[in-house]
Protein backbone atom coordinates (compact mmCIF):
# COMPACT_ATOMS: atom_id res chain seq x y z
CA MET A 1 -16.10 26.80 130.39
CA ASP A 2 -12.70 25.88 128.87
CA SER A 3 -14.31 23.95 126.02
CA ASN A 4 -16.43 26.88 124.94
CA PRO A 5 -13.55 29.13 124.19
CA ASP A 6 -12.01 26.38 122.02
CA GLN A 7 -15.17 26.01 120.05
CA GLN A 8 -15.32 29.75 119.61
CA ASN A 9 -11.77 29.74 118.30
CA GLN A 10 -12.45 27.04 115.67
CA PRO A 11 -14.98 29.01 113.64
CA SER A 12 -12.66 31.99 113.74
CA ASN A 13 -9.98 29.91 111.88
CA GLU A 14 -12.28 28.70 109.07
CA PRO A 15 -13.24 32.09 107.67
CA ALA A 16 -9.59 33.07 107.77
CA ASP A 17 -8.65 30.13 105.49
CA SER A 18 -11.42 30.66 102.88
CA PRO A 19 -10.19 33.97 101.51
CA VAL A 20 -6.72 32.45 101.09
CA SER A 21 -8.04 29.61 98.92
CA GLU A 22 -10.01 31.98 96.72
CA GLN A 23 -6.98 34.13 95.84
CA PRO A 24 -5.40 31.68 93.26
CA THR A 25 -8.51 32.00 91.12
CA THR A 26 -7.92 35.68 90.51
CA PRO A 27 -5.11 35.21 87.86
CA ALA A 28 -7.77 34.06 85.36
CA PRO A 29 -8.25 37.59 84.05
CA GLU A 30 -4.64 37.46 82.86
CA GLN A 31 -6.10 36.06 79.57
CA SER A 32 -6.76 39.67 78.69
CA ALA A 33 -3.28 39.61 77.18
CA GLY A 34 -4.75 37.46 74.38
CA PRO A 35 -5.74 40.35 72.04
CA GLU A 36 -2.08 40.80 71.16
CA PRO A 37 -2.13 38.20 68.21
CA MET A 38 -5.28 39.81 66.78
CA PRO A 39 -3.52 42.54 64.79
CA MET A 40 -1.60 39.89 62.73
CA PRO A 41 -2.27 40.84 59.04
CA THR A 42 -1.41 37.41 57.62
CA SER A 43 -4.72 36.78 55.81
CA ALA A 44 -4.46 39.79 53.50
CA PRO A 45 -1.24 38.76 51.63
CA MET A 46 -2.55 35.22 51.07
CA SER A 47 -5.52 36.39 48.99
CA GLN A 48 -3.56 38.78 46.74
CA PRO A 49 -1.58 36.37 44.45
CA ALA A 50 -4.44 33.88 44.06
CA ALA A 51 -6.88 35.49 41.65
CA ALA A 52 -5.29 37.47 38.82
CA PRO A 53 -2.17 35.58 37.61
CA VAL A 54 -3.77 32.12 37.45
CA ALA A 55 -6.66 33.15 35.24
CA GLN A 56 -4.55 34.96 32.61
CA PRO A 57 -2.98 31.96 30.78
CA GLY A 58 -6.33 30.31 30.18
CA GLN A 59 -8.16 33.37 28.96
CA SER A 60 -7.07 32.97 25.29
CA LYS A 61 -6.68 29.64 23.50
CA GLY A 62 -7.31 30.82 19.97
CA PHE A 63 -3.99 29.76 18.44
CA ALA A 64 -3.98 26.44 20.30
CA ILE A 65 -7.51 25.58 19.13
CA ALA A 66 -6.73 26.66 15.57
CA ALA A 67 -3.54 24.55 15.58
CA LEU A 68 -5.45 21.49 16.82
CA VAL A 69 -8.28 21.83 14.29
CA LEU A 70 -5.97 22.49 11.35
CA GLY A 71 -3.65 19.68 12.48
CA ILE A 72 -6.52 17.18 12.47
CA VAL A 73 -7.64 18.32 9.01
CA ALA A 74 -4.08 18.18 7.67
CA PHE A 75 -3.57 14.70 9.13
CA LEU A 76 -6.82 13.31 7.68
CA PHE A 77 -6.43 14.87 4.22
CA GLY A 78 -2.71 14.37 3.68
CA TRP A 79 -3.50 12.24 0.61
CA LEU A 80 -4.57 15.42 -1.19
CA GLY A 81 -0.91 16.25 -1.68
CA ALA A 82 -0.18 19.83 -2.68
CA PHE A 83 -3.77 20.89 -1.93
CA ASN A 84 -3.21 20.08 1.75
CA LEU A 85 0.16 21.81 2.16
CA LEU A 86 -1.28 25.18 3.23
CA THR A 87 -3.41 23.59 5.97
CA ALA A 88 -0.48 21.59 7.32
CA VAL A 89 1.86 24.60 7.32
CA LEU A 90 -0.70 26.76 9.14
CA ALA A 91 -1.20 24.03 11.77
CA VAL A 92 2.53 23.96 12.47
CA ILE A 93 2.79 27.76 12.62
CA PHE A 94 -0.21 28.16 14.94
CA GLY A 95 1.12 25.39 17.19
CA ILE A 96 4.46 27.18 17.58
CA VAL A 97 2.75 30.53 18.23
CA ALA A 98 0.47 28.94 20.85
CA LEU A 99 3.46 27.48 22.69
CA ASN A 100 5.24 30.83 22.65
CA LYS A 101 2.14 32.55 24.05
CA HIS A 102 1.83 29.90 26.80
CA GLN A 103 -1.62 28.86 25.70
CA SER A 104 -3.04 25.35 26.11
CA LYS A 105 0.11 23.23 25.85
CA GLY A 106 -1.71 19.97 25.12
CA MET A 107 -3.73 21.32 22.21
CA ALA A 108 -0.74 23.24 20.84
CA ILE A 109 1.53 20.18 20.85
CA ALA A 110 -1.20 17.96 19.39
CA GLY A 111 -1.83 20.44 16.57
CA LEU A 112 1.91 20.82 15.96
CA VAL A 113 2.49 17.05 15.75
CA LEU A 114 -0.57 16.36 13.58
CA GLY A 115 0.31 19.28 11.31
CA GLY A 116 3.87 17.99 10.93
CA ILE A 117 2.65 14.51 10.01
CA GLY A 118 0.15 16.01 7.58
CA LEU A 119 2.89 18.12 6.04
CA LEU A 120 5.14 15.11 5.45
CA THR A 121 2.24 13.07 4.06
CA SER A 122 1.24 15.92 1.76
CA LEU A 123 4.78 16.26 0.41
CA LEU A 124 4.96 12.50 -0.20
CA PHE A 125 1.68 12.38 -2.10
CA ALA A 126 2.54 15.55 -3.98
CA PHE A 127 5.75 13.87 -5.16
CA ILE A 128 3.86 10.72 -6.18
CA PHE A 129 1.20 12.70 -8.04
CA GLY A 130 3.89 14.80 -9.74
CA VAL A 131 5.77 11.73 -10.95
CA ALA A 132 2.53 10.15 -12.18
CA PHE A 133 1.60 13.35 -14.00
CA LEU A 134 4.97 13.60 -15.71
CA GLN A 135 4.78 9.93 -16.65
CA GLY A 136 1.35 10.49 -18.16
CA VAL A 137 2.62 13.44 -20.18
CA SER A 138 5.57 11.36 -21.38
CA ASP A 139 3.30 8.47 -22.38
CA ALA A 140 0.99 10.83 -24.24
CA ALA A 141 3.97 12.28 -26.13
CA LYS A 142 5.16 8.77 -27.04
CA GLU A 143 1.73 7.80 -28.29
CA SER A 144 1.51 10.88 -30.46
CA ASN A 145 5.00 10.17 -31.79
CA ASN A 146 4.06 6.57 -32.48
CA SER A 147 1.00 7.61 -34.42
CA SER A 148 3.09 9.97 -36.54
CA LEU A 149 5.67 7.24 -37.20
CA GLU A 150 3.02 4.71 -38.14
CA SER A 151 1.56 7.12 -40.67
CA THR A 152 4.88 7.45 -42.58
CA PRO A 153 5.75 4.94 -45.37
CA GLY A 154 7.89 1.99 -44.38
CA GLN A 155 7.22 2.50 -40.65
CA THR A 156 4.67 -0.12 -39.60
CA SER A 157 4.37 -1.77 -36.23
CA GLY A 158 3.67 -5.13 -37.88
CA TRP A 159 7.13 -5.33 -39.42
CA ASP A 160 8.67 -8.83 -39.08
CA TYR A 161 12.22 -7.89 -38.27
CA GLU A 162 13.39 -11.50 -37.84
CA ALA A 163 12.25 -12.52 -41.35
CA ALA A 164 13.83 -9.38 -42.76
CA TYR A 165 17.05 -10.11 -40.88
CA ALA A 166 17.22 -13.60 -42.40
CA LYS A 167 17.18 -12.13 -45.92
CA LEU A 168 20.35 -10.12 -45.38
CA LYS A 169 23.50 -11.56 -46.95
CA ASP A 170 27.09 -10.43 -46.77
CA GLY A 171 28.21 -8.45 -49.77
CA MET A 172 24.81 -6.91 -50.47
CA THR A 173 24.74 -3.29 -51.40
CA LYS A 174 22.91 -0.84 -49.24
CA ALA A 175 20.07 -0.62 -51.73
CA GLN A 176 19.72 -4.43 -51.86
CA ALA A 177 19.77 -4.68 -48.06
CA GLU A 178 17.10 -2.04 -47.65
CA ALA A 179 14.97 -3.76 -50.28
CA ALA A 180 15.30 -7.06 -48.40
CA LEU A 181 14.49 -5.39 -45.10
CA ASP A 182 11.54 -3.52 -46.63
CA LYS A 183 12.38 -0.75 -44.22
CA GLU A 184 13.97 2.65 -44.38
CA SER A 185 16.86 3.42 -42.07
CA THR A 186 15.99 5.48 -39.01
CA SER A 187 19.57 6.58 -38.37
CA CYS A 188 23.01 6.18 -39.98
CA SER A 189 26.55 7.07 -38.97
CA GLU A 190 29.55 7.22 -41.32
CA SER A 191 33.32 7.20 -40.84
CA GLU A 192 36.44 7.02 -43.02
CA SER A 193 39.53 4.94 -42.35
CA GLU A 194 42.66 4.27 -44.42
CA LEU A 195 42.63 0.61 -43.40
CA ILE A 196 38.90 -0.07 -43.73
CA GLY A 197 37.78 2.64 -46.08
CA HIS A 198 34.28 4.10 -45.95
CA PHE A 199 32.38 2.61 -43.01
CA GLU A 200 28.66 3.18 -42.41
CA THR A 201 26.29 1.79 -39.78
CA CYS A 202 22.51 2.07 -40.17
CA THR A 203 19.63 1.11 -37.89
CA TYR A 204 16.30 -0.09 -39.23
CA GLY A 205 13.14 -0.10 -37.13
CA ALA A 206 11.93 1.96 -34.19
CA TYR A 207 10.73 1.32 -30.64
CA THR A 208 7.20 0.94 -32.04
CA ASP A 209 8.33 -2.14 -33.97
CA PRO A 210 8.84 -5.59 -32.45
CA GLY A 211 12.58 -5.20 -32.96
CA THR A 212 15.37 -3.37 -34.78
CA VAL A 213 18.10 -4.42 -37.19
CA THR A 214 21.54 -2.81 -37.36
CA VAL A 215 23.58 -3.21 -40.55
CA SER A 216 27.19 -2.15 -41.17
CA TYR A 217 28.47 -1.36 -44.67
CA THR A 218 32.11 -1.21 -45.69
CA ASP A 219 32.71 0.60 -48.96
CA GLY A 220 29.00 0.25 -49.74
CA LYS A 221 28.87 -3.53 -49.09
CA LEU A 222 27.16 -5.30 -46.19
CA SER A 223 29.85 -6.43 -43.78
CA ASN A 224 28.04 -6.96 -40.48
CA LYS A 225 24.48 -7.24 -39.14
CA SER A 226 22.72 -7.62 -35.79
CA LYS A 227 19.16 -7.63 -34.46
CA TYR A 228 17.57 -6.49 -31.20
CA LYS A 229 14.18 -7.23 -29.76
CA ASN A 230 12.23 -4.29 -28.35
């Protein structure tokens, strides 16, 4: 009879312990405090600066493209000289404008550099062509002058100035010297001196002849002579 009451007391202790063990599981609903970070509005500011400002610099590349195209043309056709100056200048100007407007930096710099090289090349060839043109005009003027000199009496390009020089003798008069030279004087200069008297120097021959002869006369007599090869 004493054992039965003990057995009856044992089951009475077990149900008393079970509700105590289940109580720690109840704090799980405390996660309901989680909705507090939900109202954080962090996503909205992140999307605002992304779209508009980035697309604006690339919307217009007109000056940069124009600078690049004109720079390539100016670089390739720099040998045209003055005819290429306008293209080179425009390439440089458009390149500077494109950089100021923050357009495509690569194309703007490329157009600016190529335009600058084309500009320098054009100026160089323009200078060369200008010098060649002036030289051609000068040569044409000389040829026309030569033809006019050859048509005048006593001015022939086949004049043998060395043979004529050998015929000159000291003491000859001016008329005798010119007869021996078979040539009219192209220029003469005169001076007077108390010690020397009347002094005159004449040059015979022109640059169209193989050479020239210079004769000095003192008081109308041949006193000195010299020859020069052209």
